[in-house]
Amino acid sequence: MFVTDENINIVVHKFLEGRELVELHRSSLNDLGGQSVDRKYKEFLREIFTHKVWDEFEKKYPSDVQKMMWEFSHLKHVDEDIDVICPFNLAKVAQKHQDIEKFFEGVQGASYDEGLIRISKHKFWSFFAQSLHGITHNVRGIFNKGFNIGCILLVGEFAVCEVLRRHITDEFIDYCKVLCPFRPRESILKGAVVLGKHQTRIQFRKSAFTYGIGVSDRFDELKHIEERKFTNKDGEWCGGLFIKLVGVGEHVGLDKTMEFTFYPIQADQTMMNFYFYRTLKKIPKYVTEEGVEQIGYLFLNSPNTECGRSREVKLTITFDRMDMKIKAKDLTSESESATKFGFMWK
């Protein structure tokens, strides 16, 4: 689990022989990271000092606000009562309205003592409640999918927080091991370096969409709709048929290569046009269906028309970590063309 100050990224890997990895699941949870905790803390301070006082302090002394949040980012790594230094300028703005101690009267979980704002452990934990609930709910959802999970590994900025580590351990220790590196922040950087050197360790990932190519075929009134019918010198055709390359949620081997053979639909055709699409549908039939979007195209010159419609065009598609790479070659003219599109993984 990759936990940052912004998002929570959960990835499930399966180890294969030779220490290779297969990615089985990937999801990202927005607004449940460390910044969610920071916002709860700032909202609590605003409630204590009133909106009027806090807004004036935030407007006049933004650097002091930033310093308070920076100090809290270090304090939130502990699991105990915390003392926050009250900036001189915040006290000055507050005392224009009333003695600063009076702002804390009736406030549960916080008190003021000689320049320090003391926040109880229980109140401190409440800043984490929304984040921890969301993370737990989503991790349990992954367990319910039937994955055989032997270990949860916490890395990233938010993983430094003892509250998070203890909560995840308490929630899931009966199901699997819960581990966190000694320096979870640095683990992200180290992991990126190692992955760059050993990219072959991850062999499969899940496609986030169904990807396909639009083609034309001989019109068959039993299989095709009349709206897609068109006619040229070489007969009747059905255009815009969706030919699937990879399905949504399907495991795709990195560096997997697919090869197709195409022929022109007209004997004197001197340009071959290939259009590529993606959709969340599993098996669309036509590229014009709702939810099917074009992601790119590839044009290939085919100047030698001596062989008419018997000319072969080889289309090669390779999936790598970030892209879908396409190459086309006209075997008669020996002309070539290539392009690539971004490929989205789950």
Protein backbone atom coordinates (compact mmCIF):
# COMPACT_ATOMS: atom_id res chain seq x y z
CA MET A 1 0.00 0.00 0.00
CA PHE A 2 1.51 3.35 -1.10
CA VAL A 3 0.20 6.05 1.26
CA THR A 4 1.08 9.69 0.52
CA ASP A 5 -0.02 13.05 1.90
CA GLU A 6 -2.55 13.28 -0.95
CA ASN A 7 -3.74 9.88 -2.15
CA ILE A 8 -3.75 6.25 -1.08
CA ASN A 9 -2.62 3.84 -3.79
CA ILE A 10 -3.32 0.16 -3.22
CA VAL A 11 -1.63 -2.43 -5.41
CA VAL A 12 -1.93 -6.21 -5.12
CA HIS A 13 1.00 -8.21 -6.53
CA LYS A 14 1.55 -11.92 -6.92
CA PHE A 15 5.06 -13.31 -6.75
CA LEU A 16 6.08 -15.76 -9.46
CA GLU A 17 9.13 -17.93 -9.77
CA GLY A 18 12.31 -15.99 -10.30
CA ARG A 19 10.99 -13.14 -8.10
CA GLU A 20 8.86 -11.79 -10.93
CA LEU A 21 5.61 -9.98 -10.18
CA VAL A 22 2.09 -10.05 -11.59
CA GLU A 23 -0.10 -7.07 -10.80
CA LEU A 24 -3.55 -8.35 -9.83
CA HIS A 25 -5.24 -5.16 -8.68
CA ARG A 26 -4.63 -1.40 -8.52
CA SER A 27 -6.80 1.37 -7.07
CA SER A 28 -6.30 4.96 -5.95
CA LEU A 29 -8.24 6.61 -3.12
CA ASN A 30 -8.37 10.37 -3.36
CA ASP A 31 -8.55 12.70 -0.37
CA LEU A 32 -7.77 10.02 2.23
CA GLY A 33 -4.06 10.68 2.72
CA GLY A 34 -2.17 12.85 5.18
CA GLN A 35 -3.60 16.10 3.79
CA SER A 36 -7.04 14.97 4.95
CA VAL A 37 -5.66 14.83 8.50
CA ASP A 38 -4.09 18.28 8.08
CA ARG A 39 -7.44 19.76 7.03
CA LYS A 40 -9.20 18.29 10.09
CA TYR A 41 -6.52 19.83 12.31
CA LYS A 42 -6.87 23.26 10.69
CA GLU A 43 -10.68 23.08 10.94
CA PHE A 44 -10.35 22.36 14.66
CA LEU A 45 -8.13 25.43 15.15
CA ARG A 46 -10.64 27.54 13.24
CA GLU A 47 -13.42 26.32 15.52
CA ILE A 48 -11.37 27.19 18.62
CA PHE A 49 -10.39 30.71 17.56
CA THR A 50 -13.60 31.42 15.56
CA HIS A 51 -13.74 31.95 11.82
CA LYS A 52 -13.23 35.70 12.19
CA VAL A 53 -9.96 35.43 14.13
CA TRP A 54 -8.55 32.57 12.08
CA ASP A 55 -9.40 34.20 8.73
CA GLU A 56 -7.63 37.41 9.81
CA PHE A 57 -4.59 35.44 11.00
CA GLU A 58 -4.49 33.39 7.79
CA LYS A 59 -4.76 36.51 5.62
CA LYS A 60 -2.17 38.63 7.45
CA TYR A 61 0.32 35.93 8.44
CA PRO A 62 0.26 33.10 5.87
CA SER A 63 3.86 32.12 6.65
CA ASP A 64 2.91 31.52 10.29
CA VAL A 65 0.03 29.28 9.18
CA GLN A 66 2.41 27.38 6.93
CA LYS A 67 4.86 26.95 9.82
CA MET A 68 2.08 25.62 12.08
CA MET A 69 1.11 23.04 9.45
CA TRP A 70 4.74 22.07 8.94
CA GLU A 71 5.16 21.49 12.69
CA PHE A 72 1.97 19.45 12.77
CA SER A 73 3.21 17.29 9.88
CA HIS A 74 5.98 16.12 12.22
CA LEU A 75 3.79 15.82 15.30
CA LYS A 76 1.22 13.63 13.54
CA HIS A 77 3.75 10.81 13.39
CA VAL A 78 3.33 10.18 17.13
CA ASP A 79 0.53 8.41 19.01
CA GLU A 80 0.09 10.50 22.15
CA ASP A 81 -1.02 13.94 23.40
CA ILE A 82 0.62 16.69 21.36
CA ASP A 83 1.76 20.25 22.16
CA VAL A 84 1.58 22.81 19.36
CA ILE A 85 3.38 26.16 19.67
CA CYS A 86 0.87 28.99 19.34
CA PRO A 87 2.45 31.65 17.07
CA PHE A 88 2.86 35.13 18.56
CA ASN A 89 0.83 36.66 15.73
CA LEU A 90 -2.09 34.28 16.28
CA ALA A 91 -2.15 35.21 19.97
CA LYS A 92 -1.96 38.91 19.05
CA VAL A 93 -4.94 38.68 16.67
CA ALA A 94 -6.94 36.59 19.16
CA GLN A 95 -6.33 38.93 22.10
CA LYS A 96 -7.85 41.84 20.20
CA HIS A 97 -11.16 40.06 20.82
CA GLN A 98 -10.64 38.41 24.21
CA ASP A 99 -8.05 36.73 26.39
CA ILE A 100 -6.68 33.75 24.51
CA GLU A 101 -7.51 31.35 27.37
CA LYS A 102 -11.21 32.14 26.95
CA PHE A 103 -11.20 30.68 23.42
CA PHE A 104 -10.50 27.29 24.97
CA GLU A 105 -13.28 27.38 27.54
CA GLY A 106 -15.73 24.55 26.83
CA VAL A 107 -13.49 23.07 24.10
CA GLN A 108 -13.16 19.30 24.42
CA GLY A 109 -9.76 17.83 23.69
CA ALA A 110 -7.70 21.04 23.74
CA SER A 111 -6.31 23.55 26.24
CA TYR A 112 -3.93 26.49 26.34
CA ASP A 113 -0.90 26.73 28.63
CA GLU A 114 1.77 29.43 28.38
CA GLY A 115 2.05 29.61 24.61
CA LEU A 116 1.26 25.96 23.91
CA ILE A 117 -1.92 24.50 22.43
CA ARG A 118 -2.31 21.07 23.98
CA ILE A 119 -4.39 18.53 22.06
CA SER A 120 -5.39 15.26 23.69
CA LYS A 121 -4.58 11.91 22.16
CA HIS A 122 -8.30 11.17 21.70
CA LYS A 123 -8.88 14.43 19.81
CA PHE A 124 -5.69 13.89 17.83
CA TRP A 125 -7.02 10.49 16.72
CA SER A 126 -10.28 12.09 15.57
CA PHE A 127 -8.37 13.96 12.84
CA PHE A 128 -7.54 10.56 11.32
CA ALA A 129 -11.03 9.02 11.57
CA GLN A 130 -12.27 9.74 8.04
CA SER A 131 -9.01 8.68 6.43
CA LEU A 132 -8.68 5.46 8.45
CA HIS A 133 -12.31 4.50 7.84
CA GLY A 134 -11.95 4.98 4.08
CA ILE A 135 -8.70 3.03 3.89
CA THR A 136 -10.06 0.16 6.00
CA HIS A 137 -13.25 -0.06 3.94
CA ASN A 138 -11.35 -0.29 0.67
CA VAL A 139 -8.75 -2.78 1.91
CA ARG A 140 -11.54 -5.02 3.23
CA GLY A 141 -13.17 -4.78 -0.19
CA ILE A 142 -9.97 -6.15 -1.73
CA PHE A 143 -9.90 -9.05 0.73
CA ASN A 144 -13.53 -9.77 -0.20
CA LYS A 145 -12.51 -10.17 -3.85
CA GLY A 146 -10.85 -13.44 -2.85
CA PHE A 147 -7.20 -12.46 -3.16
CA ASN A 148 -4.90 -14.63 -1.03
CA ILE A 149 -2.99 -11.80 0.65
CA GLY A 150 -0.09 -12.78 2.85
CA CYS A 151 1.32 -9.35 3.66
CA ILE A 152 0.40 -5.65 3.68
CA LEU A 153 3.41 -3.40 3.11
CA LEU A 154 3.03 0.29 4.05
CA VAL A 155 5.29 2.78 2.29
CA GLY A 156 5.22 6.50 1.53
CA GLU A 157 4.91 9.78 3.45
CA PHE A 158 1.74 8.94 5.39
CA ALA A 159 3.14 5.53 6.38
CA VAL A 160 5.49 7.34 8.80
CA CYS A 161 2.44 8.02 10.97
CA GLU A 162 2.23 5.69 13.94
CA VAL A 163 -1.56 6.12 14.17
CA LEU A 164 -2.00 4.76 10.66
CA ARG A 165 0.43 1.87 11.18
CA ARG A 166 -1.20 0.83 14.46
CA HIS A 167 -4.71 1.03 12.99
CA ILE A 168 -3.90 -1.07 9.91
CA THR A 169 -2.08 -3.60 12.11
CA ASP A 170 -5.02 -3.88 14.53
CA GLU A 171 -7.53 -4.24 11.69
CA PHE A 172 -5.71 -6.82 9.57
CA ILE A 173 -3.19 -8.65 11.74
CA ASP A 174 -5.58 -11.63 11.98
CA TYR A 175 -5.59 -11.92 8.18
CA CYS A 176 -1.97 -11.30 7.19
CA LYS A 177 1.30 -9.71 8.20
CA VAL A 178 1.50 -5.90 8.28
CA LEU A 179 4.97 -4.52 7.57
CA CYS A 180 6.45 -1.04 7.27
CA PRO A 181 10.07 -0.26 6.34
CA PHE A 182 12.26 1.64 8.80
CA ARG A 183 12.14 4.65 6.48
CA PRO A 184 8.89 4.37 4.51
CA ARG A 185 9.41 7.72 2.74
CA GLU A 186 12.75 6.70 1.28
CA SER A 187 11.32 3.33 0.24
CA ILE A 188 9.38 5.00 -2.58
CA LEU A 189 12.51 6.53 -4.08
CA LYS A 190 14.48 3.32 -3.62
CA GLY A 191 11.67 1.30 -5.16
CA ALA A 192 11.56 3.58 -8.20
CA VAL A 193 15.31 3.14 -8.72
CA VAL A 194 15.14 -0.63 -8.36
CA LEU A 195 12.13 -0.86 -10.68
CA GLY A 196 13.97 1.21 -13.26
CA LYS A 197 16.87 -1.26 -13.16
CA HIS A 198 14.69 -4.37 -13.11
CA GLN A 199 11.56 -3.50 -15.07
CA THR A 200 11.09 -7.11 -16.05
CA ARG A 201 10.17 -8.01 -12.46
CA ILE A 202 6.57 -6.92 -13.13
CA GLN A 203 5.43 -9.14 -15.97
CA PHE A 204 1.67 -8.53 -16.11
CA ARG A 205 -0.71 -5.65 -15.40
CA LYS A 206 -4.46 -5.13 -15.73
CA SER A 207 -5.86 -3.03 -18.55
CA ALA A 208 -8.12 -0.17 -17.42
CA PHE A 209 -10.07 -0.20 -20.72
CA THR A 210 -11.02 -2.39 -23.63
CA TYR A 211 -8.79 -1.31 -26.51
CA GLY A 212 -9.59 -2.00 -30.13
CA ILE A 213 -9.17 -1.08 -33.75
CA GLY A 214 -11.85 -0.10 -36.28
CA VAL A 215 -12.03 -2.29 -39.40
CA SER A 216 -14.26 -2.91 -42.39
CA ASP A 217 -15.52 -6.30 -43.54
CA ARG A 218 -17.77 -7.66 -46.27
CA PHE A 219 -21.33 -6.67 -45.46
CA ASP A 220 -23.47 -9.52 -44.15
CA GLU A 221 -27.12 -8.61 -43.61
CA LEU A 222 -27.41 -11.37 -40.99
CA LYS A 223 -24.58 -9.95 -38.86
CA HIS A 224 -24.36 -6.24 -39.63
CA ILE A 225 -26.68 -3.26 -39.29
CA GLU A 226 -27.76 -1.38 -42.40
CA GLU A 227 -26.54 1.96 -41.01
CA ARG A 228 -22.91 0.80 -41.23
CA LYS A 229 -23.18 -0.36 -44.86
CA PHE A 230 -21.26 1.37 -47.65
CA THR A 231 -20.37 0.50 -51.26
CA ASN A 232 -17.26 0.95 -53.40
CA LYS A 233 -15.98 -0.46 -56.71
CA ASP A 234 -15.12 -3.74 -54.99
CA GLY A 235 -18.46 -4.45 -53.33
CA GLU A 236 -20.55 -3.84 -50.23
CA TRP A 237 -18.87 -3.35 -46.88
CA CYS A 238 -19.64 -2.83 -43.23
CA GLY A 239 -17.49 -0.10 -41.72
CA GLY A 240 -16.54 0.71 -38.14
CA LEU A 241 -16.42 -2.82 -36.72
CA PHE A 242 -14.65 -2.92 -33.34
CA ILE A 243 -11.91 -5.55 -33.20
CA LYS A 244 -10.75 -6.06 -29.62
CA LEU A 245 -7.03 -5.93 -28.85
CA VAL A 246 -7.27 -6.28 -25.06
CA GLY A 247 -10.25 -6.32 -22.70
CA VAL A 248 -10.98 -4.18 -19.63
CA GLY A 249 -9.57 -5.88 -16.53
CA GLU A 250 -7.57 -8.34 -18.66
CA HIS A 251 -4.02 -9.22 -17.61
CA VAL A 252 -1.58 -8.02 -20.22
CA GLY A 253 2.03 -9.15 -20.35
CA LEU A 254 4.47 -6.27 -20.54
CA ASP A 255 6.18 -6.23 -23.92
CA LYS A 256 3.37 -8.44 -25.22
CA THR A 257 3.22 -8.26 -29.02
CA MET A 258 0.18 -8.86 -31.23
CA GLU A 259 0.28 -9.22 -35.01
CA PHE A 260 -2.54 -8.74 -37.52
CA THR A 261 -2.76 -8.99 -41.29
CA PHE A 262 -5.00 -6.58 -43.17
CA TYR A 263 -5.90 -6.10 -46.82
CA PRO A 264 -7.16 -3.00 -48.63
CA ILE A 265 -10.92 -2.80 -49.22
CA GLN A 266 -10.36 -1.30 -52.66
CA ALA A 267 -7.97 -2.56 -55.37
CA ASP A 268 -6.52 0.87 -56.21
CA GLN A 269 -6.33 2.09 -52.62
CA THR A 270 -3.03 3.92 -51.95
CA MET A 271 -3.52 4.80 -48.30
CA MET A 272 -4.36 2.47 -45.39
CA ASN A 273 -6.00 4.17 -42.41
CA PHE A 274 -6.05 2.58 -38.95
CA TYR A 275 -8.10 4.11 -36.13
CA PHE A 276 -7.77 3.01 -32.50
CA TYR A 277 -10.39 3.18 -29.74
CA ARG A 278 -10.97 2.47 -26.07
CA THR A 279 -14.06 1.88 -23.94
CA LEU A 280 -15.18 0.52 -20.59
CA LYS A 281 -17.46 -1.93 -22.40
CA LYS A 282 -16.25 -5.51 -22.54
CA ILE A 283 -17.21 -6.41 -26.11
CA PRO A 284 -18.50 -3.51 -28.24
CA LYS A 285 -19.45 -4.37 -31.80
CA TYR A 286 -19.11 -0.97 -33.48
CA VAL A 287 -16.79 1.97 -32.88
CA THR A 288 -19.82 4.29 -33.00
CA GLU A 289 -21.41 2.83 -29.84
CA GLU A 290 -21.90 5.09 -26.83
CA GLY A 291 -18.86 5.13 -24.56
CA VAL A 292 -16.39 4.22 -27.31
CA GLU A 293 -13.79 6.95 -27.86
CA GLN A 294 -11.09 7.33 -30.48
CA ILE A 295 -7.57 7.58 -29.01
CA GLY A 296 -5.48 7.86 -32.16
CA TYR A 297 -4.80 6.80 -35.70
CA LEU A 298 -2.07 5.59 -38.05
CA PHE A 299 -1.79 6.23 -41.79
CA LEU A 300 0.28 3.99 -44.09
CA ASN A 301 1.13 4.76 -47.72
CA SER A 302 0.59 1.87 -50.12
CA PRO A 303 1.74 3.21 -53.51
CA ASN A 304 2.22 -0.14 -55.32
CA THR A 305 -1.26 -1.35 -56.27
CA GLU A 306 -0.24 -4.10 -58.73
CA CYS A 307 -1.57 -6.85 -56.47
CA GLY A 308 -4.90 -5.11 -55.94
CA ARG A 309 -6.73 -6.30 -52.85
CA SER A 310 -4.25 -9.14 -52.33
CA ARG A 311 -1.69 -6.76 -50.83
CA GLU A 312 -0.81 -7.66 -47.24
CA VAL A 313 -0.28 -5.12 -44.50
CA LYS A 314 1.24 -6.37 -41.25
CA LEU A 315 0.19 -4.50 -38.12
CA THR A 316 2.29 -5.10 -34.99
CA ILE A 317 1.13 -3.85 -31.58
CA THR A 318 3.35 -3.98 -28.49
CA PHE A 319 2.29 -3.10 -24.93
CA ASP A 320 4.91 -1.71 -22.58
CA ARG A 321 4.76 -0.03 -19.17
CA MET A 322 3.16 3.20 -20.40
CA ASP A 323 2.32 2.94 -24.08
CA MET A 324 0.77 0.90 -26.83
CA LYS A 325 3.25 0.98 -29.74
CA ILE A 326 1.97 0.35 -33.27
CA LYS A 327 3.93 -0.43 -36.41
CA ALA A 328 2.46 -1.04 -39.86
CA LYS A 329 4.26 -2.39 -42.95
CA ASP A 330 3.02 -2.81 -46.50
CA LEU A 331 4.75 -6.02 -47.68
CA THR A 332 4.31 -5.11 -51.34
CA SER A 333 5.53 -1.51 -51.29
CA GLU A 334 7.73 -2.09 -48.22
CA SER A 335 6.52 1.22 -46.83
CA GLU A 336 6.31 1.53 -43.04
CA SER A 337 4.65 3.75 -40.46
CA ALA A 338 4.61 3.82 -36.65
CA THR A 339 3.01 5.61 -33.72
CA LYS A 340 2.21 5.09 -30.04
CA PHE A 341 -0.59 5.94 -27.59
CA GLY A 342 -0.77 6.08 -23.82
CA PHE A 343 -2.00 2.80 -22.32
CA MET A 344 -3.94 2.98 -19.02
CA TRP A 345 -3.51 0.30 -16.36
CA LYS A 346 -5.73 -0.45 -13.37
